[in-house]
């Protein structure tokens, strides 16, 4: 009986979590509709958008800088013995560049961005909700959705592609350092190999999907924070769940976008 009870409890918890996930997706869909309604019509809070872009970009730069450099360094160090086994070391710069530009750079940057930014947005808006600051804005005839949500989501959508380009650049530099230390390759030769391996169809899809990732990070954090309940406990839950859901959606959406990209460029 005890074993069966544990199985039933585990099944019940899994069913509850799955139900909460789909409820969140439904809530995010309605929240997104409200976002697009508000983003079209004036007033446009350009000053707030710029302020949030500065805050999100500057505060995320240190961690993405270290991450980007290490991605290229470690990827090159791990791939070099494998490439050498097949006598393909000359293709190593191109392999590193393609891997970073097409997938590793955009996805890892988005996941780090989600951990740093989505949780912050969720906690910030959640605190404003439980302290009734959002309610006060509504009473004052200010549209809190446009001022608090739209500005943050747009800032995330616009800043993540810039951070991704920066991370890709650092990753390629990290790859050069790894090859230089092991083979003593010339920088000009390395750059030529990277440039020759990349095509327009490699760069555009990788950068374009980061706009979607940035939107996901912003909208999830804003949604969780905007509808926070249960006081300070709810703020903590909103911050944690923002990171989890944003990261999961980034991976799921990336899988779909990769498939769409392959279908489009193969025709």
Protein backbone atom coordinates (compact mmCIF):
# COMPACT_ATOMS: atom_id res chain seq x y z
CA UNK A 1 0.00 0.00 0.00
CA UNK A 2 2.80 2.40 0.89
CA UNK A 3 4.53 1.84 -2.46
CA UNK A 4 1.28 2.36 -4.39
CA UNK A 5 0.59 5.49 -2.38
CA UNK A 6 3.98 6.94 -3.31
CA UNK A 7 3.35 6.21 -6.99
CA UNK A 8 -0.06 7.87 -6.82
CA UNK A 9 1.38 10.91 -5.07
CA UNK A 10 4.15 11.22 -7.65
CA UNK A 11 1.62 10.92 -10.48
CA UNK A 12 -0.59 13.52 -8.83
CA UNK A 13 2.31 15.95 -8.45
CA UNK A 14 3.39 15.41 -12.07
CA UNK A 15 -0.16 15.99 -13.26
CA UNK A 16 -0.41 19.17 -11.18
CA UNK A 17 2.89 20.50 -12.53
CA UNK A 18 1.88 19.73 -16.10
CA UNK A 19 -1.47 21.45 -15.59
CA UNK A 20 0.28 24.52 -14.14
CA UNK A 21 2.65 24.61 -17.11
CA UNK A 22 -0.18 24.64 -19.65
CA UNK A 23 -2.04 27.23 -17.59
CA UNK A 24 1.08 29.38 -17.70
CA UNK A 25 1.33 28.97 -21.48
CA UNK A 26 -2.32 30.01 -21.84
CA UNK A 27 -1.76 33.01 -19.56
CA UNK A 28 1.37 33.99 -21.49
CA UNK A 29 -0.57 33.84 -24.76
CA UNK A 30 -3.22 36.25 -23.46
CA UNK A 31 -0.50 38.42 -21.92
CA UNK A 32 1.28 38.54 -25.28
CA UNK A 33 -1.91 39.66 -27.00
CA UNK A 34 -2.17 42.54 -24.52
CA UNK A 35 1.49 43.36 -25.19
CA UNK A 36 1.01 43.67 -28.96
CA UNK A 37 -2.12 45.76 -28.41
CA UNK A 38 -0.21 48.21 -26.22
CA UNK A 39 3.00 48.30 -28.25
CA UNK A 40 1.25 49.56 -31.39
CA UNK A 41 -0.53 52.60 -30.03
CA UNK A 42 1.02 55.74 -28.45
CA UNK A 43 2.33 57.01 -26.13
CA UNK A 44 5.73 55.44 -26.80
CA UNK A 45 8.07 55.35 -23.82
CA UNK A 46 11.37 55.61 -25.71
CA UNK A 47 13.23 57.02 -22.71
CA UNK A 48 12.19 54.08 -20.53
CA UNK A 49 13.13 51.58 -23.22
CA UNK A 50 16.59 53.14 -23.56
CA UNK A 51 17.04 53.15 -19.77
CA UNK A 52 16.17 49.46 -19.50
CA UNK A 53 18.43 48.59 -22.44
CA UNK A 54 21.33 50.33 -20.69
CA UNK A 55 20.61 48.57 -17.40
CA UNK A 56 20.08 45.12 -18.86
CA UNK A 57 23.00 45.33 -21.28
CA UNK A 58 25.61 46.82 -18.95
CA UNK A 59 24.78 44.56 -16.01
CA UNK A 60 24.85 41.44 -18.18
CA UNK A 61 28.10 42.27 -20.01
CA UNK A 62 30.56 40.87 -17.42
CA UNK A 63 29.03 37.40 -17.23
CA UNK A 64 28.44 37.04 -20.98
CA UNK A 65 31.97 38.27 -21.67
CA UNK A 66 33.51 35.51 -19.57
CA UNK A 67 31.05 32.95 -20.92
CA UNK A 68 31.63 33.85 -24.56
CA UNK A 69 35.41 33.63 -24.29
CA UNK A 70 35.26 30.31 -22.44
CA UNK A 71 32.80 28.82 -24.95
CA UNK A 72 35.25 29.32 -27.81
CA UNK A 73 38.25 28.24 -25.76
CA UNK A 74 36.70 25.03 -24.39
CA UNK A 75 34.97 24.09 -27.66
CA UNK A 76 38.27 24.35 -29.52
CA UNK A 77 40.22 22.44 -26.87
CA UNK A 78 37.63 19.64 -26.82
CA UNK A 79 37.27 19.41 -30.60
CA UNK A 80 40.95 19.52 -31.53
CA UNK A 81 41.84 15.91 -30.53
CA UNK A 82 38.78 14.60 -32.37
CA UNK A 83 39.59 16.58 -35.51
CA UNK A 84 43.22 15.46 -35.32
CA UNK A 85 42.10 11.83 -35.14
CA UNK A 86 40.48 12.20 -38.56
CA UNK A 87 43.20 14.41 -39.99
CA UNK A 88 40.89 17.41 -40.20
CA UNK A 89 42.63 19.95 -37.96
CA UNK A 90 42.63 22.48 -40.78
CA UNK A 91 38.82 22.60 -40.53
CA UNK A 92 38.88 23.42 -36.80
CA UNK A 93 38.51 27.24 -37.12
CA UNK A 94 35.55 26.84 -39.46
CA UNK A 95 33.91 24.23 -37.24
CA UNK A 96 34.24 26.43 -34.17
CA UNK A 97 32.89 29.48 -36.01
CA UNK A 98 29.89 27.61 -37.42
CA UNK A 99 29.03 26.01 -34.09
CA UNK A 100 29.19 29.30 -32.23
CA UNK A 101 27.38 31.40 -34.84
CA UNK A 102 24.58 29.00 -35.63
CA UNK A 103 23.74 27.53 -32.22
CA UNK A 104 26.01 27.81 -29.19
CA UNK A 105 26.35 31.59 -29.15
CA UNK A 106 22.63 32.46 -29.46
CA UNK A 107 21.30 29.73 -27.17
CA UNK A 108 23.84 29.97 -24.34
CA UNK A 109 23.65 33.77 -24.36
CA UNK A 110 19.86 33.58 -24.19
CA UNK A 111 19.95 31.12 -21.27
CA UNK A 112 22.38 33.31 -19.32
CA UNK A 113 20.29 36.36 -20.17
CA UNK A 114 17.19 34.54 -18.89
CA UNK A 115 18.88 33.70 -15.62
CA UNK A 116 20.09 37.24 -15.10
CA UNK A 117 17.23 39.31 -16.52
CA UNK A 118 14.00 37.31 -16.40
CA UNK A 119 14.36 36.68 -12.67
CA UNK A 120 15.13 40.36 -12.11
CA UNK A 121 12.06 41.51 -14.02
CA UNK A 122 9.88 39.00 -12.20
CA UNK A 123 11.16 40.09 -8.80
CA UNK A 124 10.95 43.81 -9.61
CA UNK A 125 7.40 43.77 -10.95
CA UNK A 126 6.37 41.27 -8.29
CA UNK A 127 7.57 43.63 -5.56
CA UNK A 128 5.66 46.49 -7.17
CA UNK A 129 2.53 44.34 -7.28
CA UNK A 130 2.59 43.18 -3.65
CA UNK A 131 3.40 46.70 -2.41
CA UNK A 132 0.43 48.00 -4.47
CA UNK A 133 2.54 50.35 -6.58
CA UNK A 134 0.94 48.99 -9.76
CA UNK A 135 -2.52 49.55 -8.28
CA UNK A 136 -1.52 53.13 -7.42
CA UNK A 137 -0.46 53.71 -11.04
CA UNK A 138 -3.83 52.48 -12.26
CA UNK A 139 -5.64 54.82 -9.87
CA UNK A 140 -3.46 57.70 -11.13
CA UNK A 141 -4.70 57.10 -14.70
CA UNK A 142 -1.28 55.77 -15.77
CA UNK A 143 -1.19 52.66 -17.91
CA UNK A 144 1.14 50.39 -15.86
CA UNK A 145 1.17 47.72 -18.56
CA UNK A 146 2.64 50.05 -21.16
CA UNK A 147 5.04 51.75 -18.75
CA UNK A 148 6.27 48.65 -16.89
CA UNK A 149 5.75 45.67 -19.21
CA UNK A 150 6.04 46.95 -22.78
CA UNK A 151 9.23 48.91 -22.12
CA UNK A 152 10.99 45.97 -20.47
CA UNK A 153 9.95 43.43 -23.09
CA UNK A 154 11.07 45.69 -25.95
CA UNK A 155 14.37 46.36 -24.19
CA UNK A 156 15.01 42.61 -23.82
CA UNK A 157 14.06 41.97 -27.45
CA UNK A 158 16.45 44.63 -28.75
CA UNK A 159 19.43 44.12 -26.44
CA UNK A 160 19.84 40.33 -26.66
CA UNK A 161 20.91 40.29 -30.37
CA UNK A 162 23.61 42.87 -29.55
CA UNK A 163 24.86 40.75 -26.65
CA UNK A 164 24.83 37.67 -28.88
CA UNK A 165 27.02 39.32 -31.52
CA UNK A 166 29.42 40.35 -28.77
CA UNK A 167 29.52 36.80 -27.35
CA UNK A 168 30.13 35.30 -30.79
CA UNK A 169 33.06 37.66 -31.33
CA UNK A 170 34.60 36.73 -27.97
CA UNK A 171 34.04 33.02 -28.60
CA UNK A 172 35.90 33.22 -31.91
CA UNK A 173 38.75 35.05 -30.14
CA UNK A 174 38.79 32.32 -27.50
CA UNK A 175 38.99 29.70 -30.23
CA UNK A 176 41.96 31.48 -31.75
CA UNK A 177 43.77 31.53 -28.40
CA UNK A 178 43.29 27.77 -27.97
CA UNK A 179 44.60 27.01 -31.47
CA UNK A 180 47.45 29.51 -31.13
CA UNK A 181 48.67 27.91 -27.89
CA UNK A 182 48.58 24.41 -29.36
CA UNK A 183 49.56 25.00 -32.99
CA UNK A 184 50.94 28.55 -33.13
CA UNK A 185 48.55 29.48 -35.94
CA UNK A 186 48.79 32.95 -37.47
CA UNK A 187 45.89 35.29 -36.60
CA UNK A 188 45.37 36.33 -40.22
CA UNK A 189 45.21 32.70 -41.32
CA UNK A 190 42.70 31.97 -38.56
CA UNK A 191 40.49 34.91 -39.52
CA UNK A 192 40.55 33.90 -43.20
CA UNK A 193 39.54 30.35 -42.30
CA UNK A 194 36.66 31.65 -40.16
CA UNK A 195 35.43 34.11 -42.79
CA UNK A 196 35.63 31.53 -45.59
CA UNK A 197 33.62 29.01 -43.57
CA UNK A 198 30.75 31.39 -42.79
CA UNK A 199 27.99 32.27 -45.20
CA UNK A 200 25.18 34.78 -45.08
CA UNK A 201 22.73 31.94 -44.42
CA UNK A 202 24.71 30.93 -41.33
CA UNK A 203 24.77 34.34 -39.68
CA UNK A 204 21.24 35.64 -40.26
CA UNK A 205 19.23 32.75 -38.73
CA UNK A 206 21.47 32.62 -35.66
CA UNK A 207 21.11 36.33 -34.94
CA UNK A 208 17.46 36.60 -35.97
CA UNK A 209 16.23 34.00 -33.50
CA UNK A 210 17.75 35.95 -30.61
CA UNK A 211 15.01 38.56 -31.11
CA UNK A 212 12.53 35.79 -30.29
CA UNK A 213 14.61 34.64 -27.33
CA UNK A 214 14.80 38.19 -26.00
CA UNK A 215 11.04 38.53 -26.29
CA UNK A 216 10.55 35.26 -24.39
CA UNK A 217 12.84 36.38 -21.57
CA UNK A 218 11.05 39.71 -21.22
CA UNK A 219 7.47 38.50 -21.55
CA UNK A 220 7.87 35.58 -19.12
CA UNK A 221 9.52 37.70 -16.44
CA UNK A 222 6.95 40.47 -16.86
CA UNK A 223 4.03 38.02 -16.80
CA UNK A 224 5.18 36.27 -13.64
CA UNK A 225 5.94 39.54 -11.88
CA UNK A 226 2.82 41.40 -13.01
CA UNK A 227 0.47 38.77 -11.59
CA UNK A 228 2.38 37.95 -8.41
CA UNK A 229 0.32 36.95 -5.38
CA UNK A 230 0.88 35.97 -1.73
CA UNK A 231 3.26 38.74 -0.72
CA UNK A 232 7.01 38.30 -0.50
CA UNK A 233 6.71 34.52 -0.87
CA UNK A 234 5.02 35.09 -4.22
CA UNK A 235 7.84 37.41 -5.30
CA UNK A 236 10.40 34.67 -4.71
CA UNK A 237 8.31 32.14 -6.61
CA UNK A 238 7.81 34.57 -9.48
CA UNK A 239 11.54 35.16 -9.75
CA UNK A 240 12.38 31.44 -9.71
CA UNK A 241 9.62 30.32 -12.05
CA UNK A 242 10.51 33.09 -14.52
CA UNK A 243 13.97 31.61 -15.05
CA UNK A 244 12.72 28.03 -15.33
CA UNK A 245 9.91 28.76 -17.78
CA UNK A 246 11.94 31.20 -19.89
CA UNK A 247 14.83 28.73 -20.20
CA UNK A 248 12.50 25.87 -21.10
CA UNK A 249 10.67 27.94 -23.72
CA UNK A 250 13.97 29.11 -25.23
CA UNK A 251 15.06 25.50 -25.76
CA UNK A 252 11.68 24.43 -27.16
CA UNK A 253 11.40 27.43 -29.49
CA UNK A 254 15.01 26.97 -30.60
CA UNK A 255 14.23 23.40 -31.65
CA UNK A 256 11.30 24.63 -33.73
CA UNK A 257 13.26 27.53 -35.27
CA UNK A 258 16.16 25.25 -36.20
CA UNK A 259 13.78 22.93 -38.01
CA UNK A 260 12.13 25.85 -39.83
CA UNK A 261 15.54 27.24 -40.80
CA UNK A 262 16.67 23.90 -42.19
CA UNK A 263 13.49 23.58 -44.25
CA UNK A 264 13.72 27.12 -45.60
CA UNK A 265 17.41 27.07 -46.58
CA UNK A 266 17.33 23.56 -47.99
CA UNK A 267 14.70 24.50 -50.59
